[in-house]
């Protein structure tokens, strides 16, 4: 596995870590806007989610390569939406999605959609059981509360928000319970909070 830094404009390969599509390689494409969740981080997150993935509808915000949503599909999610604005990331995501769907035996699956759009402009009338949100860390620092509010607006009442944020950043205030926080505590070190609404 290659170590992928935020500022590295390289082709980065990761893999699906569990489920039916386990081992399928994922590419991020090229671009310094990419900061993919590591295999180790995703393994820890999905271990914590356990059976809640089964038949869940997901929303993958700031999807990048799609690693969170694709991992969910591999592990039994019923479908969902990927939201990403960068064209190179969208191209890589669509390539990854086709590889995973082929591995799952359903290359024409219409329950999964890729939306090229700025997350701040995303709106939906449906709700989601799982929301993965992995914004650029600068945006998490400056607009964290707005991002969490946007996720809350489309999260099912018993749903889970998986929010990757810098390790030194406080968790959102308000009616949230943190089930687990994974990762390091230093400035700009990756950490992921698994949150439910009170």
Protein backbone atom coordinates (compact mmCIF):
# COMPACT_ATOMS: atom_id res chain seq x y z
CA UNK A 1 0.00 0.00 0.00
CA UNK A 2 1.29 3.47 -0.83
CA UNK A 3 1.22 6.18 1.78
CA UNK A 4 -0.98 8.94 0.39
CA UNK A 5 -0.41 12.45 1.67
CA UNK A 6 -2.68 15.41 1.02
CA UNK A 7 -0.05 17.19 -1.03
CA UNK A 8 1.15 14.22 -3.07
CA UNK A 9 0.08 14.20 -6.71
CA UNK A 10 0.64 10.49 -7.29
CA UNK A 11 -1.45 7.54 -8.29
CA UNK A 12 -2.37 5.91 -5.02
CA UNK A 13 -3.59 2.33 -4.71
CA UNK A 14 -5.63 1.02 -1.81
CA UNK A 15 -7.87 -2.00 -1.46
CA UNK A 16 -11.32 -2.92 -0.21
CA UNK A 17 -10.59 -4.40 3.22
CA UNK A 18 -13.59 -6.63 3.83
CA UNK A 19 -16.77 -8.17 2.49
CA UNK A 20 -17.55 -9.71 -0.88
CA UNK A 21 -15.26 -7.36 -2.85
CA UNK A 22 -12.35 -7.71 -0.44
CA UNK A 23 -8.99 -7.18 -2.12
CA UNK A 24 -10.32 -5.15 -5.06
CA UNK A 25 -7.79 -2.33 -5.66
CA UNK A 26 -8.96 1.27 -5.51
CA UNK A 27 -7.27 4.14 -7.28
CA UNK A 28 -7.47 7.80 -6.25
CA UNK A 29 -6.33 9.13 -9.60
CA UNK A 30 -3.95 12.06 -9.68
CA UNK A 31 -4.39 15.30 -7.79
CA UNK A 32 -3.24 16.94 -4.61
CA UNK A 33 -6.85 17.45 -3.49
CA UNK A 34 -6.99 13.73 -2.65
CA UNK A 35 -6.52 12.56 0.95
CA UNK A 36 -7.93 9.04 1.02
CA UNK A 37 -8.88 7.22 4.19
CA UNK A 38 -6.23 4.59 4.83
CA UNK A 39 -7.03 0.89 4.75
CA UNK A 40 -6.28 0.71 8.46
CA UNK A 41 -8.67 3.57 9.30
CA UNK A 42 -11.46 2.03 7.24
CA UNK A 43 -10.95 -1.37 8.84
CA UNK A 44 -11.29 0.19 12.30
CA UNK A 45 -14.40 2.16 11.29
CA UNK A 46 -16.18 -0.80 9.74
CA UNK A 47 -15.26 -3.05 12.63
CA UNK A 48 -17.01 -0.54 14.88
CA UNK A 49 -20.08 -0.35 12.62
CA UNK A 50 -20.50 -4.13 12.57
CA UNK A 51 -23.94 -5.35 11.48
CA UNK A 52 -25.32 -1.83 11.04
CA UNK A 53 -23.91 -1.88 7.51
CA UNK A 54 -26.27 -4.65 6.36
CA UNK A 55 -28.91 -3.29 3.98
CA UNK A 56 -28.00 0.30 4.93
CA UNK A 57 -28.43 3.21 2.53
CA UNK A 58 -25.33 5.39 2.61
CA UNK A 59 -24.27 8.88 1.61
CA UNK A 60 -20.56 9.42 0.95
CA UNK A 61 -19.81 13.17 1.13
CA UNK A 62 -16.47 14.44 -0.18
CA UNK A 63 -16.27 10.93 -1.60
CA UNK A 64 -12.89 11.21 -3.34
CA UNK A 65 -12.03 7.70 -4.49
CA UNK A 66 -15.24 6.42 -2.89
CA UNK A 67 -13.41 4.19 -0.45
CA UNK A 68 -15.92 4.51 2.41
CA UNK A 69 -19.04 3.96 0.33
CA UNK A 70 -17.45 1.19 -1.72
CA UNK A 71 -16.35 -0.56 1.46
CA UNK A 72 -19.95 -0.31 2.69
CA UNK A 73 -21.24 -1.87 -0.55
CA UNK A 74 -18.75 -4.71 -0.24
CA UNK A 75 -19.89 -5.36 3.33
CA UNK A 76 -23.63 -5.49 2.59
CA UNK A 77 -25.01 -1.96 2.19
CA UNK A 78 -27.99 -1.81 -0.16
CA UNK A 79 -26.85 1.26 -2.11
CA UNK A 80 -26.24 4.95 -1.83
CA UNK A 81 -24.94 8.20 -3.26
CA UNK A 82 -21.37 9.45 -3.69
CA UNK A 83 -20.92 13.25 -3.78
CA UNK A 84 -17.65 14.65 -5.12
CA UNK A 85 -16.86 17.81 -7.11
CA UNK A 86 -13.33 17.25 -8.46
CA UNK A 87 -13.45 15.78 -12.00
CA UNK A 88 -10.31 13.65 -11.58
CA UNK A 89 -11.63 12.17 -8.35
CA UNK A 90 -15.02 11.49 -9.97
CA UNK A 91 -13.30 9.65 -12.84
CA UNK A 92 -11.35 7.49 -10.38
CA UNK A 93 -14.48 6.91 -8.30
CA UNK A 94 -16.49 5.74 -11.30
CA UNK A 95 -13.67 3.35 -12.24
CA UNK A 96 -13.56 2.01 -8.67
CA UNK A 97 -17.35 1.66 -8.53
CA UNK A 98 -17.45 -0.41 -11.70
CA UNK A 99 -14.72 -2.70 -10.39
CA UNK A 100 -16.54 -3.24 -7.08
CA UNK A 101 -19.95 -3.76 -8.70
CA UNK A 102 -18.42 -6.28 -11.11
CA UNK A 103 -16.90 -8.12 -8.15
CA UNK A 104 -20.31 -8.11 -6.46
CA UNK A 105 -21.84 -9.63 -9.60
CA UNK A 106 -24.04 -6.64 -10.35
CA UNK A 107 -22.25 -4.30 -12.80
CA UNK A 108 -25.50 -2.58 -13.78
CA UNK A 109 -26.61 -1.79 -10.23
CA UNK A 110 -28.83 1.31 -10.27
CA UNK A 111 -29.06 1.63 -6.47
CA UNK A 112 -25.72 3.47 -6.48
CA UNK A 113 -25.25 6.96 -7.90
CA UNK A 114 -22.26 9.26 -8.36
CA UNK A 115 -23.12 12.98 -8.17
CA UNK A 116 -20.55 15.54 -9.28
CA UNK A 117 -21.39 18.46 -7.03
CA UNK A 118 -20.03 20.69 -4.29
CA UNK A 119 -21.18 19.12 -1.01
CA UNK A 120 -22.35 22.51 0.24
CA UNK A 121 -24.92 22.51 -2.59
CA UNK A 122 -26.13 18.94 -2.04
CA UNK A 123 -29.73 18.41 -0.92
CA UNK A 124 -31.93 15.34 -0.80
CA UNK A 125 -35.48 14.46 0.21
CA UNK A 126 -34.41 10.97 1.24
CA UNK A 127 -32.57 10.07 4.42
CA UNK A 128 -29.60 7.79 4.89
CA UNK A 129 -28.69 5.16 7.47
CA UNK A 130 -24.95 5.86 7.18
CA UNK A 131 -23.26 9.10 6.21
CA UNK A 132 -19.54 9.19 5.57
CA UNK A 133 -18.08 12.70 5.62
CA UNK A 134 -14.39 13.26 4.93
CA UNK A 135 -13.96 16.97 4.10
CA UNK A 136 -10.69 18.76 3.45
CA UNK A 137 -9.28 19.51 6.88
CA UNK A 138 -9.23 23.26 6.18
CA UNK A 139 -12.97 23.11 5.49
CA UNK A 140 -13.58 21.04 8.62
CA UNK A 141 -11.88 23.79 10.62
CA UNK A 142 -13.72 26.72 9.04
CA UNK A 143 -17.14 25.21 8.29
CA UNK A 144 -17.36 22.15 10.54
CA UNK A 145 -20.65 23.10 12.17
CA UNK A 146 -22.33 23.78 8.81
CA UNK A 147 -21.10 20.46 7.44
CA UNK A 148 -22.45 18.56 10.43
CA UNK A 149 -25.80 20.38 10.11
CA UNK A 150 -25.97 19.44 6.44
CA UNK A 151 -25.33 15.79 7.30
CA UNK A 152 -27.88 15.88 10.13
CA UNK A 153 -30.56 17.13 7.74
CA UNK A 154 -30.43 13.89 5.71
CA UNK A 155 -29.45 11.40 8.43
CA UNK A 156 -32.11 8.88 9.48
CA UNK A 157 -33.25 9.26 13.08
CA UNK A 158 -31.31 6.15 14.11
CA UNK A 159 -28.52 6.70 11.58
CA UNK A 160 -24.77 7.04 12.06
CA UNK A 161 -22.46 9.81 10.91
CA UNK A 162 -18.86 8.76 10.28
CA UNK A 163 -16.92 12.03 10.31
CA UNK A 164 -13.20 12.20 9.53
CA UNK A 165 -11.61 15.34 10.95
CA UNK A 166 -8.24 16.56 12.24
CA UNK A 167 -7.26 14.90 15.49
CA UNK A 168 -6.98 18.18 17.37
CA UNK A 169 -10.42 19.44 16.34
CA UNK A 170 -13.27 19.27 18.84
CA UNK A 171 -16.30 17.16 17.99
CA UNK A 172 -19.50 18.98 17.01
CA UNK A 173 -21.54 20.44 19.81
CA UNK A 174 -25.26 19.81 20.07
CA UNK A 175 -27.38 16.69 20.14
CA UNK A 176 -24.71 14.17 19.23
CA UNK A 177 -23.26 11.15 21.01
CA UNK A 178 -19.79 9.94 20.05
CA UNK A 179 -19.77 6.15 20.03
CA UNK A 180 -16.06 6.01 19.25
CA UNK A 181 -13.23 8.23 18.06
CA UNK A 182 -10.47 6.50 16.13
CA UNK A 183 -7.05 7.86 15.26
CA UNK A 184 -4.45 10.31 16.48
CA UNK A 185 -4.87 13.54 18.41
CA UNK A 186 -2.23 15.79 16.80
CA UNK A 187 -2.76 18.75 14.50
CA UNK A 188 -3.93 17.55 11.07
CA UNK A 189 -3.50 13.93 12.13
CA UNK A 190 -6.43 11.83 10.84
CA UNK A 191 -9.15 10.86 13.27
CA UNK A 192 -12.66 9.57 12.70
CA UNK A 193 -15.65 10.09 14.96
CA UNK A 194 -18.61 7.71 14.85
CA UNK A 195 -21.62 9.77 15.90
CA UNK A 196 -25.33 9.27 16.53
CA UNK A 197 -27.97 11.87 17.27
CA UNK A 198 -29.44 12.02 20.76
